[in-house]
Amino acid sequence: MTDAPPVTPAAAPAPASVPGKTLGIVALIVTFFASLIGLILGFVARSQSKAAGVKNTPATVAIVLGFIFLIGQILFFVLGGAALFSGLFAACAELGPGVHELNGVTYTCS
């Protein structure tokens, strides 16, 4: 009786690449540094994945975080600008109309 060689299972095929998955991960990372760019990359990555019929969770998270960070940045600049102008208006209310120099800064109040 002859011994048959042991049967080894065939190697599992490599998983198929998910279109947009790498770009979704890049978008997620970029969102923390530049929210608008990360938001745009997230939409592109999700569009690529959607065309292939697969879900892209990193791209979706990048889109959500991109919107949150973008709104936060807009609020930061709007409130910062409001604080700056409120200080200017308060200084002009205290100094009165005219041109004033205070601590090396010239204020023109009307």
C-alpha atoms as a PDB file:
ATOM      1  CA  MET A   1       0.000   0.000   0.000  1.00  0.00           C
ATOM      2  CA  THR A   2       1.379   3.380  -0.953  1.00  0.00           C
ATOM      3  CA  ASP A   3       1.020   6.429   1.165  1.00  0.00           C
ATOM      4  CA  ALA A   4      -0.591   9.353  -0.609  1.00  0.00           C
ATOM      5  CA  PRO A   5       1.073  12.703  -0.092  1.00  0.00           C
ATOM      6  CA  PRO A   6      -0.704  14.847   2.464  1.00  0.00           C
ATOM      7  CA  VAL A   7      -3.257  17.160   1.005  1.00  0.00           C
ATOM      8  CA  THR A   8      -2.610  20.798   1.879  1.00  0.00           C
ATOM      9  CA  PRO A   9      -5.428  23.265   1.580  1.00  0.00           C
ATOM     10  CA  ALA A  10      -5.024  25.862  -1.093  1.00  0.00           C
ATOM     11  CA  ALA A  11      -3.857  29.230   0.105  1.00  0.00           C
ATOM     12  CA  ALA A  12      -6.706  31.585   0.774  1.00  0.00           C
ATOM     13  CA  PRO A  13      -7.013  34.236  -1.891  1.00  0.00           C
ATOM     14  CA  ALA A  14      -5.964  37.731  -0.917  1.00  0.00           C
ATOM     15  CA  PRO A  15      -8.904  39.863   0.122  1.00  0.00           C
ATOM     16  CA  ALA A  16     -10.192  42.098  -2.614  1.00  0.00           C
ATOM     17  CA  SER A  17      -9.197  45.716  -2.346  1.00  0.00           C
ATOM     18  CA  VAL A  18     -12.033  48.021  -1.358  1.00  0.00           C
ATOM     19  CA  PRO A  19     -12.044  51.068  -3.624  1.00  0.00           C
ATOM     20  CA  GLY A  20     -11.705  54.258  -1.613  1.00  0.00           C
ATOM     21  CA  LYS A  21     -10.766  52.537   1.648  1.00  0.00           C
ATOM     22  CA  THR A  22      -7.192  53.898   1.721  1.00  0.00           C
ATOM     23  CA  LEU A  23      -8.407  57.357   0.753  1.00  0.00           C
ATOM     24  CA  GLY A  24     -11.007  57.126   3.520  1.00  0.00           C
ATOM     25  CA  ILE A  25      -8.290  56.433   6.084  1.00  0.00           C
ATOM     26  CA  VAL A  26      -6.208  59.319   4.714  1.00  0.00           C
ATOM     27  CA  ALA A  27      -9.281  61.573   4.889  1.00  0.00           C
ATOM     28  CA  LEU A  28      -9.852  60.574   8.500  1.00  0.00           C
ATOM     29  CA  ILE A  29      -6.291  61.502   9.456  1.00  0.00           C
ATOM     30  CA  VAL A  30      -6.256  64.741   7.448  1.00  0.00           C
ATOM     31  CA  THR A  31      -9.545  65.839   9.025  1.00  0.00           C
ATOM     32  CA  PHE A  32      -7.761  66.393  12.337  1.00  0.00           C
ATOM     33  CA  PHE A  33      -5.349  68.887  10.760  1.00  0.00           C
ATOM     34  CA  ALA A  34      -7.333  70.468   7.903  1.00  0.00           C
ATOM     35  CA  SER A  35     -11.045  69.836   8.312  1.00  0.00           C
ATOM     36  CA  LEU A  36     -12.171  71.140   4.927  1.00  0.00           C
ATOM     37  CA  ILE A  37      -9.618  69.066   2.991  1.00  0.00           C
ATOM     38  CA  GLY A  38     -10.445  65.981   5.059  1.00  0.00           C
ATOM     39  CA  LEU A  39     -14.139  66.566   4.429  1.00  0.00           C
ATOM     40  CA  ILE A  40     -13.606  66.744   0.662  1.00  0.00           C
ATOM     41  CA  LEU A  41     -11.384  63.643   0.661  1.00  0.00           C
ATOM     42  CA  GLY A  42     -14.019  61.815   2.724  1.00  0.00           C
ATOM     43  CA  PHE A  43     -16.700  62.569   0.154  1.00  0.00           C
ATOM     44  CA  VAL A  44     -14.432  61.404  -2.687  1.00  0.00           C
ATOM     45  CA  ALA A  45     -13.553  58.176  -0.852  1.00  0.00           C
ATOM     46  CA  ARG A  46     -17.176  57.430  -0.003  1.00  0.00           C
ATOM     47  CA  SER A  47     -18.176  58.088  -3.615  1.00  0.00           C
ATOM     48  CA  GLN A  48     -15.559  55.614  -4.864  1.00  0.00           C
ATOM     49  CA  SER A  49     -16.712  52.969  -2.408  1.00  0.00           C
ATOM     50  CA  LYS A  50     -20.372  53.587  -3.139  1.00  0.00           C
ATOM     51  CA  ALA A  51     -19.745  53.078  -6.865  1.00  0.00           C
ATOM     52  CA  ALA A  52     -18.200  49.701  -6.035  1.00  0.00           C
ATOM     53  CA  GLY A  53     -21.144  48.832  -3.783  1.00  0.00           C
ATOM     54  CA  VAL A  54     -19.217  48.616  -0.504  1.00  0.00           C
ATOM     55  CA  LYS A  55     -19.360  50.561   2.741  1.00  0.00           C
ATOM     56  CA  ASN A  56     -16.481  52.816   3.733  1.00  0.00           C
ATOM     57  CA  THR A  57     -16.684  53.512   7.459  1.00  0.00           C
ATOM     58  CA  PRO A  58     -13.463  55.595   7.690  1.00  0.00           C
ATOM     59  CA  ALA A  59     -14.749  57.905   4.954  1.00  0.00           C
ATOM     60  CA  THR A  60     -18.093  58.319   6.719  1.00  0.00           C
ATOM     61  CA  VAL A  61     -16.355  59.097  10.021  1.00  0.00           C
ATOM     62  CA  ALA A  62     -14.093  61.588   8.209  1.00  0.00           C
ATOM     63  CA  ILE A  63     -17.155  63.344   6.785  1.00  0.00           C
ATOM     64  CA  VAL A  64     -18.884  63.578  10.166  1.00  0.00           C
ATOM     65  CA  LEU A  65     -15.749  64.784  11.960  1.00  0.00           C
ATOM     66  CA  GLY A  66     -14.968  67.157   9.091  1.00  0.00           C
ATOM     67  CA  PHE A  67     -18.338  68.861   9.508  1.00  0.00           C
ATOM     68  CA  ILE A  68     -17.951  69.031  13.292  1.00  0.00           C
ATOM     69  CA  PHE A  69     -14.420  70.467  13.135  1.00  0.00           C
ATOM     70  CA  LEU A  70     -15.339  72.909  10.345  1.00  0.00           C
ATOM     71  CA  ILE A  71     -18.305  74.247  12.317  1.00  0.00           C
ATOM     72  CA  GLY A  72     -16.068  74.529  15.384  1.00  0.00           C
ATOM     73  CA  GLN A  73     -13.448  76.488  13.445  1.00  0.00           C
ATOM     74  CA  ILE A  74     -16.057  78.829  11.991  1.00  0.00           C
ATOM     75  CA  LEU A  75     -17.519  79.471  15.442  1.00  0.00           C
ATOM     76  CA  PHE A  76     -14.038  80.057  16.862  1.00  0.00           C
ATOM     77  CA  PHE A  77     -13.235  82.711  14.261  1.00  0.00           C
ATOM     78  CA  VAL A  78     -16.663  84.367  14.404  1.00  0.00           C
ATOM     79  CA  LEU A  79     -16.638  84.565  18.204  1.00  0.00           C
ATOM     80  CA  GLY A  80     -13.006  85.681  18.207  1.00  0.00           C
ATOM     81  CA  GLY A  81     -13.818  88.429  15.714  1.00  0.00           C
ATOM     82  CA  ALA A  82     -16.838  89.464  17.763  1.00  0.00           C
ATOM     83  CA  ALA A  83     -14.670  89.695  20.885  1.00  0.00           C
ATOM     84  CA  LEU A  84     -12.116  91.779  18.990  1.00  0.00           C
ATOM     85  CA  PHE A  85     -14.705  94.205  17.672  1.00  0.00           C
ATOM     86  CA  SER A  86     -16.526  94.415  20.996  1.00  0.00           C
ATOM     87  CA  GLY A  87     -13.242  95.491  22.591  1.00  0.00           C
ATOM     88  CA  LEU A  88     -12.779  98.101  19.873  1.00  0.00           C
ATOM     89  CA  PHE A  89     -16.316  99.430  20.351  1.00  0.00           C
ATOM     90  CA  ALA A  90     -15.829  99.540  24.114  1.00  0.00           C
ATOM     91  CA  ALA A  91     -12.590 101.507  23.696  1.00  0.00           C
ATOM     92  CA  CYS A  92     -14.282 103.979  21.342  1.00  0.00           C
ATOM     93  CA  ALA A  93     -17.228 104.370  23.714  1.00  0.00           C
ATOM     94  CA  GLU A  94     -14.814 105.205  26.512  1.00  0.00           C
ATOM     95  CA  LEU A  95     -12.553 107.509  24.477  1.00  0.00           C
ATOM     96  CA  GLY A  96     -15.238 109.335  22.474  1.00  0.00           C
ATOM     97  CA  PRO A  97     -15.128 110.448  18.847  1.00  0.00           C
ATOM     98  CA  GLY A  98     -11.828 111.375  17.218  1.00  0.00           C
ATOM     99  CA  VAL A  99      -8.382 109.875  16.748  1.00  0.00           C
ATOM    100  CA  HIS A 100      -6.761 108.495  19.895  1.00  0.00           C
ATOM    101  CA  GLU A 101      -3.460 106.781  20.596  1.00  0.00           C
ATOM    102  CA  LEU A 102      -3.465 104.319  23.440  1.00  0.00           C
ATOM    103  CA  ASN A 103      -0.463 102.093  24.266  1.00  0.00           C
ATOM    104  CA  GLY A 104       1.002 102.619  20.798  1.00  0.00           C
ATOM    105  CA  VAL A 105      -2.262 101.726  19.052  1.00  0.00           C
ATOM    106  CA  THR A 106      -4.170 104.357  17.105  1.00  0.00           C
ATOM    107  CA  TYR A 107      -7.964 104.234  17.420  1.00  0.00           C
ATOM    108  CA  THR A 108     -10.157 106.190  15.028  1.00  0.00           C
ATOM    109  CA  CYS A 109     -13.601 106.549  16.532  1.00  0.00           C
ATOM    110  CA  SER A 110     -16.496 108.274  14.852  1.00  0.00           C
END
